[in-house]
Amino acid sequence: MQFTVDGHRLDVDTAVLDAPDERVRREVEAYLAGERREFSVAVDYPDGFTGDVMRAMAAIPYGETRTYGDLADDLDTGAVAVGQACGSNPTPMVVPCHRVVGADSLGGFSAAGGVEAKRALLDLERGQRQTDLGAFE
């Protein structure tokens, strides 16, 4: 399933979400409209390190950020490894990889639009912008 945020396409792999596509679509659209702060759909986290990082990302509250180093310290690993796992997140927004930032910068973002899309999502959560959003398959 694909969504656009300020013209940047974000792909959400619904195969790892335990919910009908229509429910995922409604929740993501409500999130992008500023009407939802948390997702109720269950995520089928992968085994191993990537799943551990995804769980840590999912625990970051709406409107807040953590650094790659913060998550690395929590998981007893390196910040680069955390960044690589963030980049493989198949469910942006639902598992909020955009909330993980560098110590001195926003860091990266693997979705189309890169850092600009990440900034748009962070600004949305801080109430600093209305997004131009759309949903499509």
Protein backbone atom coordinates (compact mmCIF):
# COMPACT_ATOMS: atom_id res chain seq x y z
CA MET A 1 0.00 0.00 0.00
CA GLN A 2 1.34 3.42 -0.89
CA PHE A 3 0.71 6.85 0.59
CA THR A 4 2.02 10.26 -0.30
CA VAL A 5 3.24 12.82 2.17
CA ASP A 6 3.98 16.22 0.67
CA GLY A 7 4.48 14.53 -2.68
CA HIS A 8 6.79 11.82 -1.33
CA ARG A 9 5.68 8.20 -1.71
CA LEU A 10 5.80 5.96 1.36
CA ASP A 11 5.26 2.23 0.92
CA VAL A 12 3.62 0.33 3.78
CA ASP A 13 3.94 -3.46 3.51
CA THR A 14 0.57 -4.64 4.81
CA ALA A 15 1.73 -8.27 4.68
CA VAL A 16 3.43 -7.76 8.06
CA LEU A 17 0.35 -6.11 9.59
CA ASP A 18 -2.41 -8.18 11.15
CA ALA A 19 -5.34 -6.16 9.86
CA PRO A 20 -7.38 -5.82 6.69
CA ASP A 21 -5.94 -3.35 4.18
CA GLU A 22 -8.94 -1.04 4.55
CA ARG A 23 -8.33 -0.70 8.30
CA VAL A 24 -4.64 0.05 7.72
CA ARG A 25 -5.60 2.65 5.12
CA ARG A 26 -8.08 4.34 7.48
CA GLU A 27 -5.57 4.45 10.33
CA VAL A 28 -2.74 5.83 8.18
CA GLU A 29 -5.02 8.44 6.62
CA ALA A 30 -6.22 9.48 10.10
CA TYR A 31 -2.59 9.70 11.25
CA LEU A 32 -1.66 11.87 8.27
CA ALA A 33 -4.68 14.09 8.91
CA GLY A 34 -3.49 14.61 12.50
CA GLU A 35 -6.44 12.66 13.91
CA ARG A 36 -4.54 9.57 15.15
CA ARG A 37 -1.41 9.33 17.28
CA GLU A 38 -1.10 5.55 17.63
CA PHE A 39 -1.89 2.60 15.42
CA SER A 40 -4.00 -0.26 16.70
CA VAL A 41 -2.96 -2.75 14.00
CA ALA A 42 -0.67 -5.53 15.20
CA VAL A 43 2.75 -5.80 13.58
CA ASP A 44 4.33 -9.18 12.84
CA TYR A 45 7.88 -8.20 13.81
CA PRO A 46 10.67 -10.21 12.20
CA ASP A 47 12.85 -12.39 14.38
CA GLY A 48 16.23 -11.12 15.41
CA PHE A 49 17.90 -7.75 15.44
CA THR A 50 15.65 -5.96 12.94
CA GLY A 51 12.59 -6.98 14.94
CA ASP A 52 14.24 -5.73 18.14
CA VAL A 53 14.93 -2.35 16.52
CA MET A 54 11.39 -2.15 15.14
CA ARG A 55 9.95 -2.81 18.61
CA ALA A 56 12.18 -0.07 20.04
CA MET A 57 10.99 2.35 17.33
CA ALA A 58 7.37 1.46 18.02
CA ALA A 59 7.88 2.41 21.68
CA ILE A 60 8.88 6.00 20.85
CA PRO A 61 5.90 8.23 21.71
CA TYR A 62 4.16 10.38 19.11
CA GLY A 63 5.89 13.74 18.68
CA GLU A 64 9.13 12.59 20.32
CA THR A 65 12.43 11.40 18.91
CA ARG A 66 15.31 9.18 19.98
CA THR A 67 18.76 9.08 18.46
CA TYR A 68 20.29 6.09 16.74
CA GLY A 69 22.74 6.10 19.64
CA ASP A 70 19.93 5.98 22.22
CA LEU A 71 18.47 2.87 20.60
CA ALA A 72 21.95 1.39 20.16
CA ASP A 73 22.62 1.82 23.88
CA ASP A 74 19.28 0.21 24.74
CA LEU A 75 19.98 -2.74 22.44
CA ASP A 76 23.71 -3.04 23.25
CA THR A 77 24.80 -2.52 19.65
CA GLY A 78 26.13 0.19 17.36
CA ALA A 79 24.32 3.21 15.98
CA VAL A 80 25.15 2.27 12.37
CA ALA A 81 23.50 -1.13 12.84
CA VAL A 82 20.40 0.57 14.24
CA GLY A 83 20.34 2.90 11.23
CA GLN A 84 20.52 -0.04 8.84
CA ALA A 85 17.66 -1.78 10.63
CA CYS A 86 15.61 1.44 10.53
CA GLY A 87 16.20 1.58 6.79
CA SER A 88 14.72 -1.89 6.34
CA ASN A 89 11.48 -1.07 8.18
CA PRO A 90 8.67 -2.25 5.87
CA THR A 91 5.98 -0.23 7.64
CA PRO A 92 6.92 3.45 7.93
CA MET A 93 4.51 5.52 10.00
CA VAL A 94 2.99 2.39 11.62
CA VAL A 95 6.44 1.57 13.02
CA PRO A 96 7.75 5.14 13.27
CA CYS A 97 11.31 4.98 11.95
CA HIS A 98 11.05 8.72 11.25
CA ARG A 99 11.27 9.29 15.02
CA VAL A 100 14.86 8.02 15.07
CA VAL A 101 17.32 10.82 14.35
CA GLY A 102 21.04 11.46 14.38
CA ALA A 103 22.75 13.10 17.33
CA ASP A 104 23.43 16.24 15.27
CA SER A 105 21.04 15.89 12.33
CA LEU A 106 17.85 14.21 11.19
CA GLY A 107 19.87 11.27 9.91
CA GLY A 108 18.52 9.39 6.91
CA PHE A 109 15.18 8.08 5.75
CA SER A 110 14.88 5.26 3.24
CA ALA A 111 11.44 6.17 1.88
CA ALA A 112 11.02 8.22 -1.27
CA GLY A 113 11.73 11.84 -0.48
CA GLY A 114 14.37 10.89 2.06
CA VAL A 115 14.99 13.43 4.79
CA GLU A 116 12.34 15.84 3.45
CA ALA A 117 9.65 13.18 3.94
CA LYS A 118 11.04 12.45 7.43
CA ARG A 119 10.93 16.16 8.26
CA ALA A 120 7.31 16.38 7.05
CA LEU A 121 6.26 13.52 9.35
CA LEU A 122 8.11 14.99 12.34
CA ASP A 123 6.62 18.44 11.66
CA LEU A 124 3.16 16.88 11.42
CA GLU A 125 3.61 15.24 14.82
CA ARG A 126 4.81 18.50 16.34
CA GLY A 127 1.76 20.33 14.98
CA GLN A 128 3.97 22.50 12.81
CA ARG A 129 2.48 21.68 9.43
CA GLN A 130 -0.47 20.35 7.58
CA THR A 131 0.55 17.70 5.10
CA ASP A 132 -0.50 17.36 1.52
CA LEU A 133 -1.44 13.72 1.68
CA GLY A 134 -2.97 11.13 -0.51
CA ALA A 135 -3.42 7.38 -0.55
CA PHE A 136 -3.15 5.07 -3.50
CA GLU A 137 -2.33 1.48 -4.33
